[in-house]
Amino acid sequence: MKNRKKSNINALTTTLQNNKLTYAEIGMKLKENMKDPTLGIKNDPWFKYDEWDAEKRVSRLALGNKPSCNEKLALALWLYKDQNKWPCLYFPDNESTYEFMQKVLETEFSKVISEENKIKKWNKSTVRSGITTKDIKPQELAIRLLGLLYLHTVDEVRLGKRKRRRNLVKYAKEWFSDTITPDSPLVIETKIQLRQTLSLTSTRKKELEQVVLRQLISVL
């Protein structure tokens, strides 16, 4: 395995980057599995790829290019011996799910932390309102999550556990790392939900973020 550019975008890119095979060898495995009759693929650009074409395409996939439906199925057949396990390419285990949850948390918090008035407007009876609405934006869920954590800091001061409220984002990040572990039932449940949310034909980025934020809200 030669030195490769690292791009920690998702579990699939990490798998390709860390595989002991060369990108050309991975490409030949992908091509071989794409021709497997169980996939029923009649035609694909991969069928005409030589080793150079295969290496170039796998290199791009490893750096974050979105794989085609056929590529997802062929990769799953090669890695898991079952094309129906293609969602495992993105969430293969608890650790990758935990890392994704942490990334969503940090990304969404950075978008909304300046909206202090929205975050602090909630009370315990209203903060969960609307979280199951299908079209709710991830940012709105992040505001509610921060609102719940803000209410926690208020309670800690009232109970005498702290003399003053802490920096909210720092508190939220510490809450995640101190409270949630990769082998926790919450992460296992989230992994299953994320796999079920994935689409073979589209990214569903918003929906995946909704799953993570709703799951975190559910334990507060």
C-alpha atoms as a PDB file:
ATOM      1  CA  MET A   1       0.000   0.000   0.000  1.00  0.00           C
ATOM      2  CA  LYS A   2       1.567   3.263  -1.149  1.00  0.00           C
ATOM      3  CA  ASN A   3       1.224   6.526   0.727  1.00  0.00           C
ATOM      4  CA  ARG A   4      -2.281   7.731   0.005  1.00  0.00           C
ATOM      5  CA  LYS A   5      -4.070  10.995   0.410  1.00  0.00           C
ATOM      6  CA  LYS A   6      -6.273  10.804   3.487  1.00  0.00           C
ATOM      7  CA  SER A   7      -9.783  12.172   3.435  1.00  0.00           C
ATOM      8  CA  ASN A   8     -11.848  11.101   6.429  1.00  0.00           C
ATOM      9  CA  ILE A   9     -15.238  11.730   4.842  1.00  0.00           C
ATOM     10  CA  ASN A  10     -17.054   8.537   5.769  1.00  0.00           C
ATOM     11  CA  ALA A  11     -16.427   4.892   6.625  1.00  0.00           C
ATOM     12  CA  LEU A  12     -16.256   3.888   2.960  1.00  0.00           C
ATOM     13  CA  THR A  13     -13.458   6.331   2.156  1.00  0.00           C
ATOM     14  CA  THR A  14     -11.584   5.143   5.258  1.00  0.00           C
ATOM     15  CA  THR A  15     -12.003   1.488   4.251  1.00  0.00           C
ATOM     16  CA  LEU A  16     -10.616   2.125   0.775  1.00  0.00           C
ATOM     17  CA  GLN A  17      -7.721   4.246   2.036  1.00  0.00           C
ATOM     18  CA  ASN A  18      -6.671   1.689   4.659  1.00  0.00           C
ATOM     19  CA  ASN A  19      -7.060  -1.454   2.556  1.00  0.00           C
ATOM     20  CA  LYS A  20      -3.816  -3.355   2.030  1.00  0.00           C
ATOM     21  CA  LEU A  21      -4.579  -3.884  -1.668  1.00  0.00           C
ATOM     22  CA  THR A  22      -3.555  -1.264  -4.189  1.00  0.00           C
ATOM     23  CA  TYR A  23      -6.307   0.838  -5.710  1.00  0.00           C
ATOM     24  CA  ALA A  24      -5.809  -1.045  -8.987  1.00  0.00           C
ATOM     25  CA  GLU A  25      -6.262  -4.375  -7.181  1.00  0.00           C
ATOM     26  CA  ILE A  26      -9.355  -3.087  -5.370  1.00  0.00           C
ATOM     27  CA  GLY A  27     -10.686  -1.958  -8.745  1.00  0.00           C
ATOM     28  CA  MET A  28     -10.213  -5.398 -10.240  1.00  0.00           C
ATOM     29  CA  LYS A  29     -12.079  -6.915  -7.270  1.00  0.00           C
ATOM     30  CA  LEU A  30     -14.874  -4.405  -7.785  1.00  0.00           C
ATOM     31  CA  LYS A  31     -15.033  -5.158 -11.520  1.00  0.00           C
ATOM     32  CA  GLU A  32     -15.076  -8.902 -10.855  1.00  0.00           C
ATOM     33  CA  ASN A  33     -17.926  -8.627  -8.385  1.00  0.00           C
ATOM     34  CA  MET A  34     -19.877  -6.231 -10.588  1.00  0.00           C
ATOM     35  CA  LYS A  35     -19.981  -8.976 -13.213  1.00  0.00           C
ATOM     36  CA  ASP A  36     -21.416 -11.444 -10.700  1.00  0.00           C
ATOM     37  CA  PRO A  37     -24.739 -12.678 -12.126  1.00  0.00           C
ATOM     38  CA  THR A  38     -26.467 -12.281  -8.750  1.00  0.00           C
ATOM     39  CA  LEU A  39     -26.297  -8.492  -9.200  1.00  0.00           C
ATOM     40  CA  GLY A  40     -28.029  -8.627 -12.568  1.00  0.00           C
ATOM     41  CA  ILE A  41     -25.974  -5.737 -13.969  1.00  0.00           C
ATOM     42  CA  LYS A  42     -26.202  -5.850 -17.759  1.00  0.00           C
ATOM     43  CA  ASN A  43     -23.949  -2.931 -18.600  1.00  0.00           C
ATOM     44  CA  ASP A  44     -21.636  -0.563 -16.740  1.00  0.00           C
ATOM     45  CA  PRO A  45     -18.560   1.526 -17.604  1.00  0.00           C
ATOM     46  CA  TRP A  46     -16.597  -0.763 -15.272  1.00  0.00           C
ATOM     47  CA  PHE A  47     -16.937  -3.631 -17.736  1.00  0.00           C
ATOM     48  CA  LYS A  48     -14.512  -1.820 -20.084  1.00  0.00           C
ATOM     49  CA  TYR A  49     -12.075  -0.588 -17.412  1.00  0.00           C
ATOM     50  CA  ASP A  50      -8.444  -1.667 -17.529  1.00  0.00           C
ATOM     51  CA  GLU A  51      -6.221  -1.519 -14.439  1.00  0.00           C
ATOM     52  CA  TRP A  52      -5.408   2.171 -14.997  1.00  0.00           C
ATOM     53  CA  ASP A  53      -9.085   3.115 -15.279  1.00  0.00           C
ATOM     54  CA  ALA A  54      -9.895   1.020 -12.203  1.00  0.00           C
ATOM     55  CA  GLU A  55      -7.107   2.571 -10.128  1.00  0.00           C
ATOM     56  CA  LYS A  56      -8.174   6.085 -11.087  1.00  0.00           C
ATOM     57  CA  ARG A  57     -11.825   5.468 -10.227  1.00  0.00           C
ATOM     58  CA  VAL A  58     -11.085   3.805  -6.861  1.00  0.00           C
ATOM     59  CA  SER A  59      -8.743   6.680  -6.010  1.00  0.00           C
ATOM     60  CA  ARG A  60     -11.586   9.106  -6.594  1.00  0.00           C
ATOM     61  CA  LEU A  61     -13.983   7.013  -4.520  1.00  0.00           C
ATOM     62  CA  ALA A  62     -11.430   6.965  -1.696  1.00  0.00           C
ATOM     63  CA  LEU A  63     -11.301  10.761  -1.755  1.00  0.00           C
ATOM     64  CA  GLY A  64     -15.057  11.156  -1.508  1.00  0.00           C
ATOM     65  CA  ASN A  65     -16.560  10.833  -4.988  1.00  0.00           C
ATOM     66  CA  LYS A  66     -20.055   9.397  -4.627  1.00  0.00           C
ATOM     67  CA  PRO A  67     -20.235   5.763  -5.764  1.00  0.00           C
ATOM     68  CA  SER A  68     -22.895   4.680  -8.225  1.00  0.00           C
ATOM     69  CA  CYS A  69     -25.602   2.216  -7.244  1.00  0.00           C
ATOM     70  CA  ASN A  70     -23.729  -0.554  -9.062  1.00  0.00           C
ATOM     71  CA  GLU A  71     -20.490   0.327  -7.304  1.00  0.00           C
ATOM     72  CA  LYS A  72     -22.174   0.179  -3.883  1.00  0.00           C
ATOM     73  CA  LEU A  73     -23.617  -3.247  -4.639  1.00  0.00           C
ATOM     74  CA  ALA A  74     -20.342  -4.603  -6.003  1.00  0.00           C
ATOM     75  CA  LEU A  75     -18.332  -3.256  -3.060  1.00  0.00           C
ATOM     76  CA  ALA A  76     -20.780  -4.823  -0.609  1.00  0.00           C
ATOM     77  CA  LEU A  77     -20.629  -8.152  -2.437  1.00  0.00           C
ATOM     78  CA  TRP A  78     -16.834  -8.075  -2.282  1.00  0.00           C
ATOM     79  CA  LEU A  79     -16.468  -6.875   1.324  1.00  0.00           C
ATOM     80  CA  TYR A  80     -19.485  -8.563   2.946  1.00  0.00           C
ATOM     81  CA  LYS A  81     -20.382 -11.354   0.480  1.00  0.00           C
ATOM     82  CA  ASP A  82     -23.876  -9.870   0.285  1.00  0.00           C
ATOM     83  CA  GLN A  83     -24.918  -6.962  -1.938  1.00  0.00           C
ATOM     84  CA  ASN A  84     -27.838  -6.207   0.378  1.00  0.00           C
ATOM     85  CA  LYS A  85     -25.382  -5.168   3.067  1.00  0.00           C
ATOM     86  CA  TRP A  86     -24.314  -2.062   1.128  1.00  0.00           C
ATOM     87  CA  PRO A  87     -25.480   0.249   3.995  1.00  0.00           C
ATOM     88  CA  CYS A  88     -22.653  -1.291   6.042  1.00  0.00           C
ATOM     89  CA  LEU A  89     -20.222   0.479   3.722  1.00  0.00           C
ATOM     90  CA  TYR A  90     -21.134   3.701   5.530  1.00  0.00           C
ATOM     91  CA  PHE A  91     -21.922   2.409   9.006  1.00  0.00           C
ATOM     92  CA  PRO A  92     -19.996  -0.864   9.386  1.00  0.00           C
ATOM     93  CA  ASP A  93     -19.719  -0.814  13.162  1.00  0.00           C
ATOM     94  CA  ASN A  94     -20.399   1.094  16.364  1.00  0.00           C
ATOM     95  CA  GLU A  95     -17.165   3.079  16.206  1.00  0.00           C
ATOM     96  CA  SER A  96     -17.892   4.535  12.764  1.00  0.00           C
ATOM     97  CA  THR A  97     -21.425   5.372  13.900  1.00  0.00           C
ATOM     98  CA  TYR A  98     -20.108   7.092  17.021  1.00  0.00           C
ATOM     99  CA  GLU A  99     -17.685   9.161  14.938  1.00  0.00           C
ATOM    100  CA  PHE A 100     -20.481  10.158  12.570  1.00  0.00           C
ATOM    101  CA  MET A 101     -22.688  11.214  15.483  1.00  0.00           C
ATOM    102  CA  GLN A 102     -19.878  13.312  16.924  1.00  0.00           C
ATOM    103  CA  LYS A 103     -19.243  14.956  13.554  1.00  0.00           C
ATOM    104  CA  VAL A 104     -22.931  15.817  13.094  1.00  0.00           C
ATOM    105  CA  LEU A 105     -23.083  17.239  16.601  1.00  0.00           C
ATOM    106  CA  GLU A 106     -20.079  19.504  16.117  1.00  0.00           C
ATOM    107  CA  THR A 107     -21.099  20.622  12.620  1.00  0.00           C
ATOM    108  CA  GLU A 108     -24.665  21.523  13.561  1.00  0.00           C
ATOM    109  CA  PHE A 109     -23.651  23.220  16.806  1.00  0.00           C
ATOM    110  CA  SER A 110     -21.241  25.454  14.896  1.00  0.00           C
ATOM    111  CA  LYS A 111     -24.142  26.620  12.722  1.00  0.00           C
ATOM    112  CA  VAL A 112     -26.487  27.586  15.532  1.00  0.00           C
ATOM    113  CA  ILE A 113     -24.434  28.535  18.582  1.00  0.00           C
ATOM    114  CA  SER A 114     -24.769  32.244  17.725  1.00  0.00           C
ATOM    115  CA  GLU A 115     -28.563  31.988  18.028  1.00  0.00           C
ATOM    116  CA  GLU A 116     -28.522  32.264  21.808  1.00  0.00           C
ATOM    117  CA  ASN A 117     -32.014  33.750  22.030  1.00  0.00           C
ATOM    118  CA  LYS A 118     -33.534  30.760  20.226  1.00  0.00           C
ATOM    119  CA  ILE A 119     -31.538  28.298  22.306  1.00  0.00           C
ATOM    120  CA  LYS A 120     -32.580  29.833  25.619  1.00  0.00           C
ATOM    121  CA  LYS A 121     -36.232  30.469  24.762  1.00  0.00           C
ATOM    122  CA  TRP A 122     -37.297  26.889  25.448  1.00  0.00           C
ATOM    123  CA  ASN A 123     -38.698  25.520  28.666  1.00  0.00           C
ATOM    124  CA  LYS A 124     -39.114  21.889  29.678  1.00  0.00           C
ATOM    125  CA  SER A 125     -42.683  21.693  28.400  1.00  0.00           C
ATOM    126  CA  THR A 126     -42.013  23.121  24.928  1.00  0.00           C
ATOM    127  CA  VAL A 127     -38.439  22.184  23.989  1.00  0.00           C
ATOM    128  CA  ARG A 128     -39.427  18.841  22.441  1.00  0.00           C
ATOM    129  CA  SER A 129     -42.264  20.231  20.354  1.00  0.00           C
ATOM    130  CA  GLY A 130     -41.989  19.477  16.650  1.00  0.00           C
ATOM    131  CA  ILE A 131     -38.935  17.223  16.818  1.00  0.00           C
ATOM    132  CA  THR A 132     -40.739  14.423  14.990  1.00  0.00           C
ATOM    133  CA  THR A 133     -41.893  16.707  12.160  1.00  0.00           C
ATOM    134  CA  LYS A 134     -40.610  15.197   8.911  1.00  0.00           C
ATOM    135  CA  ASP A 135     -39.350  18.440   7.359  1.00  0.00           C
ATOM    136  CA  ILE A 136     -37.724  19.937  10.450  1.00  0.00           C
ATOM    137  CA  LYS A 137     -34.244  21.207   9.633  1.00  0.00           C
ATOM    138  CA  PRO A 138     -31.223  19.693  11.390  1.00  0.00           C
ATOM    139  CA  GLN A 139     -30.360  23.192  12.647  1.00  0.00           C
ATOM    140  CA  GLU A 140     -33.716  23.404  14.431  1.00  0.00           C
ATOM    141  CA  LEU A 141     -33.068  20.043  16.065  1.00  0.00           C
ATOM    142  CA  ALA A 142     -29.611  21.238  17.099  1.00  0.00           C
ATOM    143  CA  ILE A 143     -31.163  24.341  18.692  1.00  0.00           C
ATOM    144  CA  ARG A 144     -33.539  22.136  20.683  1.00  0.00           C
ATOM    145  CA  LEU A 145     -30.702  19.839  21.726  1.00  0.00           C
ATOM    146  CA  LEU A 146     -28.691  22.806  22.929  1.00  0.00           C
ATOM    147  CA  GLY A 147     -31.837  24.119  24.602  1.00  0.00           C
ATOM    148  CA  LEU A 148     -32.148  20.884  26.578  1.00  0.00           C
ATOM    149  CA  LEU A 149     -28.503  21.020  27.568  1.00  0.00           C
ATOM    150  CA  TYR A 150     -28.920  24.665  28.571  1.00  0.00           C
ATOM    151  CA  LEU A 151     -31.796  23.666  30.837  1.00  0.00           C
ATOM    152  CA  HIS A 152     -29.478  21.048  32.377  1.00  0.00           C
ATOM    153  CA  THR A 153     -26.925  23.723  33.210  1.00  0.00           C
ATOM    154  CA  VAL A 154     -29.660  25.850  34.788  1.00  0.00           C
ATOM    155  CA  ASP A 155     -30.729  22.893  36.955  1.00  0.00           C
ATOM    156  CA  GLU A 156     -27.142  22.216  38.005  1.00  0.00           C
ATOM    157  CA  VAL A 157     -26.826  25.806  39.270  1.00  0.00           C
ATOM    158  CA  ARG A 158     -30.180  25.599  41.064  1.00  0.00           C
ATOM    159  CA  LEU A 159     -29.161  22.317  42.721  1.00  0.00           C
ATOM    160  CA  GLY A 160     -25.862  23.761  43.856  1.00  0.00           C
ATOM    161  CA  LYS A 161     -23.749  21.473  41.679  1.00  0.00           C
ATOM    162  CA  ARG A 162     -22.178  24.511  40.027  1.00  0.00           C
ATOM    163  CA  LYS A 163     -21.906  28.165  40.976  1.00  0.00           C
ATOM    164  CA  ARG A 164     -22.431  29.389  37.429  1.00  0.00           C
ATOM    165  CA  ARG A 165     -23.471  28.048  34.058  1.00  0.00           C
ATOM    166  CA  ARG A 166     -20.727  26.750  31.783  1.00  0.00           C
ATOM    167  CA  ASN A 167     -19.917  27.565  28.149  1.00  0.00           C
ATOM    168  CA  LEU A 168     -22.743  25.803  26.368  1.00  0.00           C
ATOM    169  CA  VAL A 169     -20.875  24.326  23.381  1.00  0.00           C
ATOM    170  CA  LYS A 170     -18.027  23.090  25.584  1.00  0.00           C
ATOM    171  CA  TYR A 171     -20.584  21.595  27.953  1.00  0.00           C
ATOM    172  CA  ALA A 172     -22.393  19.891  25.049  1.00  0.00           C
ATOM    173  CA  LYS A 173     -19.221  18.341  23.615  1.00  0.00           C
ATOM    174  CA  GLU A 174     -18.163  17.083  27.031  1.00  0.00           C
ATOM    175  CA  TRP A 175     -21.658  15.731  27.643  1.00  0.00           C
ATOM    176  CA  PHE A 176     -21.423  13.661  24.467  1.00  0.00           C
ATOM    177  CA  SER A 177     -17.936  12.272  25.099  1.00  0.00           C
ATOM    178  CA  ASP A 178     -18.503  11.686  28.835  1.00  0.00           C
ATOM    179  CA  THR A 179     -22.012  10.231  28.586  1.00  0.00           C
ATOM    180  CA  ILE A 180     -22.106   8.272  25.341  1.00  0.00           C
ATOM    181  CA  THR A 181     -19.727   5.445  24.450  1.00  0.00           C
ATOM    182  CA  PRO A 182     -19.378   3.578  21.121  1.00  0.00           C
ATOM    183  CA  ASP A 183     -20.760   0.363  22.636  1.00  0.00           C
ATOM    184  CA  SER A 184     -23.806   1.996  24.234  1.00  0.00           C
ATOM    185  CA  PRO A 185     -27.308   0.829  23.252  1.00  0.00           C
ATOM    186  CA  LEU A 186     -28.006   4.339  21.917  1.00  0.00           C
ATOM    187  CA  VAL A 187     -25.183   4.056  19.366  1.00  0.00           C
ATOM    188  CA  ILE A 188     -26.283   0.556  18.369  1.00  0.00           C
ATOM    189  CA  GLU A 189     -29.862   1.778  17.850  1.00  0.00           C
ATOM    190  CA  THR A 190     -28.589   4.775  15.876  1.00  0.00           C
ATOM    191  CA  LYS A 191     -26.437   2.547  13.668  1.00  0.00           C
ATOM    192  CA  ILE A 192     -29.489   0.471  12.740  1.00  0.00           C
ATOM    193  CA  GLN A 193     -31.601   3.563  12.054  1.00  0.00           C
ATOM    194  CA  LEU A 194     -28.886   5.165   9.941  1.00  0.00           C
ATOM    195  CA  ARG A 195     -28.522   2.030   7.832  1.00  0.00           C
ATOM    196  CA  GLN A 196     -32.280   1.937   7.314  1.00  0.00           C
ATOM    197  CA  THR A 197     -32.330   5.624   6.351  1.00  0.00           C
ATOM    198  CA  LEU A 198     -29.673   5.344   3.640  1.00  0.00           C
ATOM    199  CA  SER A 199     -30.809   5.279   0.022  1.00  0.00           C
ATOM    200  CA  LEU A 200     -29.086   3.385  -2.772  1.00  0.00           C
ATOM    201  CA  THR A 201     -29.806   6.241  -5.189  1.00  0.00           C
ATOM    202  CA  SER A 202     -29.414   9.417  -3.076  1.00  0.00           C
ATOM    203  CA  THR A 203     -27.363  10.776  -0.156  1.00  0.00           C
ATOM    204  CA  ARG A 204     -30.144  11.685   2.326  1.00  0.00           C
ATOM    205  CA  LYS A 205     -27.713  13.872   4.260  1.00  0.00           C
ATOM    206  CA  LYS A 206     -30.484  15.833   5.963  1.00  0.00           C
ATOM    207  CA  GLU A 207     -32.338  12.675   7.007  1.00  0.00           C
ATOM    208  CA  LEU A 208     -29.191  11.094   8.456  1.00  0.00           C
ATOM    209  CA  GLU A 209     -28.509  14.215  10.498  1.00  0.00           C
ATOM    210  CA  GLN A 210     -32.119  14.179  11.717  1.00  0.00           C
ATOM    211  CA  VAL A 211     -31.687  10.600  12.940  1.00  0.00           C
ATOM    212  CA  VAL A 212     -28.593  11.485  14.967  1.00  0.00           C
ATOM    213  CA  LEU A 213     -30.023  14.631  16.550  1.00  0.00           C
ATOM    214  CA  ARG A 214     -33.366  13.011  17.413  1.00  0.00           C
ATOM    215  CA  GLN A 215     -31.551  10.102  19.021  1.00  0.00           C
ATOM    216  CA  LEU A 216     -29.474  12.450  21.161  1.00  0.00           C
ATOM    217  CA  ILE A 217     -32.547  14.442  22.145  1.00  0.00           C
ATOM    218  CA  SER A 218     -34.268  11.203  23.162  1.00  0.00           C
ATOM    219  CA  VAL A 219     -31.849  10.601  26.063  1.00  0.00           C
ATOM    220  CA  LEU A 220     -32.184  14.084  27.550  1.00  0.00           C
END
